[in-house]
N, C-alpha and C. Protein backbone atom coordinates (compact mmCIF):
# COMPACT_ATOMS: atom_id res chain seq x y z
N MET A 1 108.01 101.44 96.67
CA MET A 1 107.78 102.53 97.59
C MET A 1 106.87 103.54 96.91
N GLY A 2 105.99 104.19 97.69
CA GLY A 2 105.03 105.14 97.15
C GLY A 2 105.68 106.44 96.72
N PHE A 3 104.97 107.17 95.92
CA PHE A 3 105.41 108.47 95.42
C PHE A 3 105.47 109.47 96.56
N LYS A 4 106.49 110.30 96.59
CA LYS A 4 106.59 111.35 97.59
C LYS A 4 106.57 112.69 96.87
N ASN A 5 105.63 113.53 97.26
CA ASN A 5 105.57 114.85 96.65
C ASN A 5 106.25 115.85 97.57
N PRO A 6 106.59 117.01 97.07
CA PRO A 6 107.36 117.97 97.88
C PRO A 6 106.53 118.74 98.90
N THR A 7 105.25 118.49 98.99
CA THR A 7 104.42 119.22 99.93
C THR A 7 104.35 118.48 101.26
N LEU A 8 103.74 119.12 102.23
CA LEU A 8 103.59 118.54 103.55
C LEU A 8 102.68 117.31 103.53
N VAL A 9 101.66 117.32 102.70
CA VAL A 9 100.69 116.24 102.66
C VAL A 9 101.23 115.09 101.81
N GLN A 10 101.22 113.90 102.37
CA GLN A 10 101.61 112.69 101.66
C GLN A 10 100.42 111.74 101.64
N ILE A 11 100.32 110.98 100.58
CA ILE A 11 99.22 110.04 100.42
C ILE A 11 99.78 108.63 100.37
N ASP A 12 99.10 107.71 101.02
CA ASP A 12 99.49 106.30 101.01
C ASP A 12 98.97 105.68 99.71
N TRP A 13 99.78 105.80 98.65
CA TRP A 13 99.36 105.32 97.33
C TRP A 13 99.22 103.81 97.31
N ASN A 14 100.00 103.08 98.09
CA ASN A 14 99.87 101.61 98.12
C ASN A 14 98.51 101.20 98.68
N LYS A 15 98.12 101.80 99.78
CA LYS A 15 96.82 101.48 100.39
C LYS A 15 95.69 101.90 99.46
N PHE A 16 95.83 103.10 98.89
CA PHE A 16 94.79 103.62 97.99
C PHE A 16 94.61 102.68 96.79
N GLY A 17 95.69 102.30 96.16
CA GLY A 17 95.60 101.38 95.01
C GLY A 17 95.02 100.03 95.39
N HIS A 18 95.43 99.52 96.53
CA HIS A 18 94.90 98.23 97.02
C HIS A 18 93.40 98.32 97.24
N ASP A 19 92.95 99.41 97.87
CA ASP A 19 91.52 99.56 98.16
C ASP A 19 90.69 99.71 96.89
N ILE A 20 91.23 100.41 95.89
CA ILE A 20 90.51 100.54 94.62
C ILE A 20 90.36 99.17 93.97
N ARG A 21 91.47 98.43 93.89
CA ARG A 21 91.41 97.10 93.28
C ARG A 21 90.45 96.18 94.04
N SER A 22 90.52 96.20 95.36
CA SER A 22 89.64 95.34 96.16
C SER A 22 88.17 95.66 95.92
N ARG A 23 87.85 96.94 95.91
CA ARG A 23 86.44 97.35 95.68
C ARG A 23 86.01 97.00 94.27
N ARG A 24 86.88 97.25 93.29
CA ARG A 24 86.55 96.95 91.89
C ARG A 24 86.32 95.45 91.71
N GLU A 25 87.24 94.63 92.20
CA GLU A 25 87.09 93.19 92.06
C GLU A 25 85.90 92.66 92.86
N GLY A 26 85.68 93.25 94.05
CA GLY A 26 84.52 92.86 94.86
C GLY A 26 83.19 93.19 94.20
N SER A 27 83.22 94.19 93.32
CA SER A 27 82.03 94.58 92.56
C SER A 27 81.96 93.88 91.22
N ASN A 28 82.90 92.96 90.97
CA ASN A 28 82.98 92.22 89.71
C ASN A 28 83.06 93.15 88.50
N LEU A 29 83.88 94.18 88.62
CA LEU A 29 84.07 95.12 87.52
C LEU A 29 85.46 94.96 86.93
N THR A 30 85.55 95.15 85.63
CA THR A 30 86.85 95.23 84.98
C THR A 30 87.34 96.67 85.11
N VAL A 31 88.60 96.88 84.78
CA VAL A 31 89.13 98.25 84.80
C VAL A 31 88.38 99.09 83.77
N ARG A 32 88.07 98.52 82.62
CA ARG A 32 87.33 99.25 81.58
C ARG A 32 85.93 99.65 82.07
N GLN A 33 85.27 98.78 82.81
CA GLN A 33 83.95 99.12 83.35
C GLN A 33 84.06 100.24 84.38
N LEU A 34 85.09 100.18 85.21
CA LEU A 34 85.30 101.25 86.19
C LEU A 34 85.59 102.57 85.49
N GLN A 35 86.31 102.50 84.39
CA GLN A 35 86.58 103.71 83.60
C GLN A 35 85.26 104.35 83.17
N LYS A 36 84.33 103.55 82.68
CA LYS A 36 83.04 104.08 82.23
C LYS A 36 82.24 104.66 83.39
N LEU A 37 82.33 104.05 84.55
CA LEU A 37 81.58 104.53 85.72
C LEU A 37 82.12 105.83 86.29
N THR A 38 83.44 105.98 86.28
CA THR A 38 84.06 107.12 86.96
C THR A 38 84.59 108.21 86.03
N GLY A 39 84.82 107.86 84.77
CA GLY A 39 85.42 108.83 83.85
C GLY A 39 86.93 108.90 83.97
N VAL A 40 87.52 108.05 84.81
CA VAL A 40 88.97 108.00 84.98
C VAL A 40 89.52 107.01 83.96
N SER A 41 90.57 107.37 83.25
CA SER A 41 91.08 106.52 82.17
C SER A 41 91.56 105.16 82.67
N TYR A 42 91.46 104.20 81.76
CA TYR A 42 91.88 102.83 82.04
C TYR A 42 93.33 102.79 82.52
N GLY A 43 94.21 103.48 81.81
CA GLY A 43 95.63 103.48 82.16
C GLY A 43 95.89 104.08 83.53
N THR A 44 95.18 105.14 83.85
CA THR A 44 95.35 105.78 85.17
C THR A 44 94.90 104.84 86.28
N ILE A 45 93.76 104.21 86.10
CA ILE A 45 93.27 103.26 87.12
C ILE A 45 94.28 102.12 87.30
N ALA A 46 94.76 101.58 86.20
CA ALA A 46 95.72 100.46 86.28
C ALA A 46 96.99 100.88 87.01
N ARG A 47 97.50 102.08 86.71
CA ARG A 47 98.72 102.55 87.38
C ARG A 47 98.48 102.80 88.86
N ILE A 48 97.34 103.36 89.21
CA ILE A 48 97.03 103.61 90.62
C ILE A 48 96.91 102.29 91.37
N GLU A 49 96.24 101.32 90.78
CA GLU A 49 96.09 100.02 91.44
C GLU A 49 97.44 99.36 91.70
N ARG A 50 98.41 99.61 90.85
CA ARG A 50 99.75 99.06 91.03
C ARG A 50 100.63 99.97 91.86
N ALA A 51 100.12 101.12 92.25
CA ALA A 51 100.87 102.15 92.98
C ALA A 51 102.10 102.59 92.18
N ASP A 52 101.97 102.55 90.85
CA ASP A 52 103.07 102.96 89.98
C ASP A 52 103.13 104.47 89.78
N CYS A 53 102.01 105.12 89.94
CA CYS A 53 101.97 106.54 89.62
C CYS A 53 100.88 107.21 90.43
N PRO A 54 101.19 108.33 91.04
CA PRO A 54 100.14 109.06 91.74
C PRO A 54 99.21 109.72 90.73
N CYS A 55 98.14 110.27 91.22
CA CYS A 55 97.19 110.94 90.33
C CYS A 55 96.92 112.34 90.87
N GLY A 56 96.23 113.12 90.08
CA GLY A 56 95.85 114.45 90.51
C GLY A 56 94.75 114.42 91.55
N ALA A 57 94.52 115.55 92.17
CA ALA A 57 93.52 115.64 93.23
C ALA A 57 92.13 115.27 92.74
N ASP A 58 91.78 115.67 91.52
CA ASP A 58 90.44 115.38 91.01
C ASP A 58 90.21 113.88 90.88
N VAL A 59 91.19 113.16 90.36
CA VAL A 59 91.08 111.70 90.22
C VAL A 59 91.09 111.04 91.59
N PHE A 60 91.97 111.51 92.46
CA PHE A 60 92.05 110.96 93.82
C PHE A 60 90.70 111.06 94.54
N ILE A 61 90.09 112.24 94.50
CA ILE A 61 88.80 112.44 95.16
C ILE A 61 87.72 111.57 94.50
N THR A 62 87.68 111.56 93.17
CA THR A 62 86.69 110.76 92.45
C THR A 62 86.75 109.29 92.86
N LEU A 63 87.96 108.73 92.86
CA LEU A 63 88.09 107.30 93.17
C LEU A 63 87.89 107.01 94.66
N ALA A 64 88.35 107.91 95.51
CA ALA A 64 88.13 107.71 96.95
C ALA A 64 86.64 107.69 97.27
N LEU A 65 85.90 108.60 96.66
CA LEU A 65 84.45 108.62 96.89
C LEU A 65 83.77 107.40 96.27
N TRP A 66 84.27 106.95 95.12
CA TRP A 66 83.69 105.76 94.50
C TRP A 66 83.86 104.54 95.39
N ILE A 67 85.01 104.40 96.03
CA ILE A 67 85.18 103.23 96.90
C ILE A 67 84.51 103.42 98.26
N GLY A 68 83.97 104.62 98.49
CA GLY A 68 83.24 104.86 99.73
C GLY A 68 84.12 105.23 100.89
N SER A 69 85.31 105.75 100.60
CA SER A 69 86.25 106.12 101.67
C SER A 69 86.36 107.63 101.79
N ASP A 70 86.64 108.05 102.99
CA ASP A 70 86.98 109.45 103.22
C ASP A 70 88.39 109.64 102.68
N PRO A 71 88.59 110.58 101.75
CA PRO A 71 89.93 110.77 101.20
C PRO A 71 91.00 110.99 102.28
N GLN A 72 90.62 111.54 103.41
CA GLN A 72 91.59 111.77 104.49
C GLN A 72 92.15 110.47 105.06
N ALA A 73 91.46 109.36 104.82
CA ALA A 73 91.93 108.07 105.33
C ALA A 73 93.26 107.67 104.70
N TYR A 74 93.61 108.27 103.58
CA TYR A 74 94.85 107.92 102.87
C TYR A 74 95.98 108.89 103.12
N LEU A 75 95.75 109.89 103.94
CA LEU A 75 96.81 110.85 104.24
C LEU A 75 97.80 110.26 105.23
N LEU A 76 99.06 110.49 104.96
CA LEU A 76 100.12 110.08 105.89
C LEU A 76 100.53 111.32 106.65
N TYR A 77 100.57 111.22 107.93
CA TYR A 77 100.97 112.37 108.74
C TYR A 77 102.46 112.61 108.58
N PRO A 78 102.85 113.84 108.57
CA PRO A 78 104.28 114.14 108.39
C PRO A 78 105.10 113.59 109.55
N THR A 79 106.27 113.08 109.25
CA THR A 79 107.11 112.51 110.29
C THR A 79 107.98 113.57 110.94
N SER A 80 108.13 114.73 110.30
CA SER A 80 109.01 115.75 110.83
C SER A 80 108.31 116.70 111.81
N ARG A 81 107.01 116.56 111.97
CA ARG A 81 106.26 117.41 112.89
C ARG A 81 105.38 116.54 113.79
N ARG A 82 105.09 117.05 114.94
CA ARG A 82 104.23 116.29 115.87
C ARG A 82 102.78 116.32 115.44
N SER A 83 102.35 117.40 114.82
CA SER A 83 100.96 117.51 114.39
C SER A 83 100.86 118.43 113.19
N TRP A 84 99.72 118.42 112.58
CA TRP A 84 99.47 119.31 111.46
C TRP A 84 99.43 120.74 111.95
N PRO A 85 99.85 121.71 111.13
CA PRO A 85 99.73 123.10 111.54
C PRO A 85 98.26 123.48 111.65
N SER A 86 97.95 124.34 112.58
CA SER A 86 96.56 124.75 112.75
C SER A 86 96.18 125.68 111.62
N ALA A 87 94.89 125.77 111.36
CA ALA A 87 94.40 126.64 110.30
C ALA A 87 94.78 128.09 110.58
N ALA A 88 94.74 128.48 111.84
CA ALA A 88 95.06 129.86 112.21
C ALA A 88 96.53 130.18 111.94
N SER A 89 97.43 129.23 112.20
CA SER A 89 98.84 129.50 112.00
C SER A 89 99.24 129.49 110.55
N SER A 90 98.44 128.82 109.70
CA SER A 90 98.80 128.77 108.29
C SER A 90 98.02 129.76 107.45
N ALA A 91 97.09 130.47 108.07
CA ALA A 91 96.31 131.46 107.33
C ALA A 91 97.15 132.68 106.98
N ARG A 92 96.89 133.23 105.82
CA ARG A 92 97.61 134.42 105.41
C ARG A 92 96.96 135.64 106.05
N PRO A 93 97.77 136.63 106.43
CA PRO A 93 97.19 137.84 106.99
C PRO A 93 96.36 138.55 105.94
N SER A 94 95.30 139.17 106.39
CA SER A 94 94.45 139.89 105.44
C SER A 94 95.10 141.20 105.03
N ALA A 95 94.82 141.61 103.82
CA ALA A 95 95.38 142.87 103.32
C ALA A 95 94.42 143.99 103.65
N GLY A 96 94.64 144.66 104.70
CA GLY A 96 93.72 145.75 104.97
C GLY A 96 93.79 146.19 106.33
């Protein structure tokens, strides 16, 4: 089962890891070669491909862009709400 963080936004780590591995293998790259191309460590790539460990936002964006995907494609919509909160409802009131 994928990692669940305490925030509203959830990421489909299984799909993300699968897509990274598919793109890497389709490009005939080793994990070490992908490390050199992206700057993401070998161990992190291997863990993400196995969906063993989530990564930080910087690594997530880097790898999502490398595989040519919109990072939003991996977001899981919350099950406890019908839709995402609107930007207006989540904005903080201005001080002034």
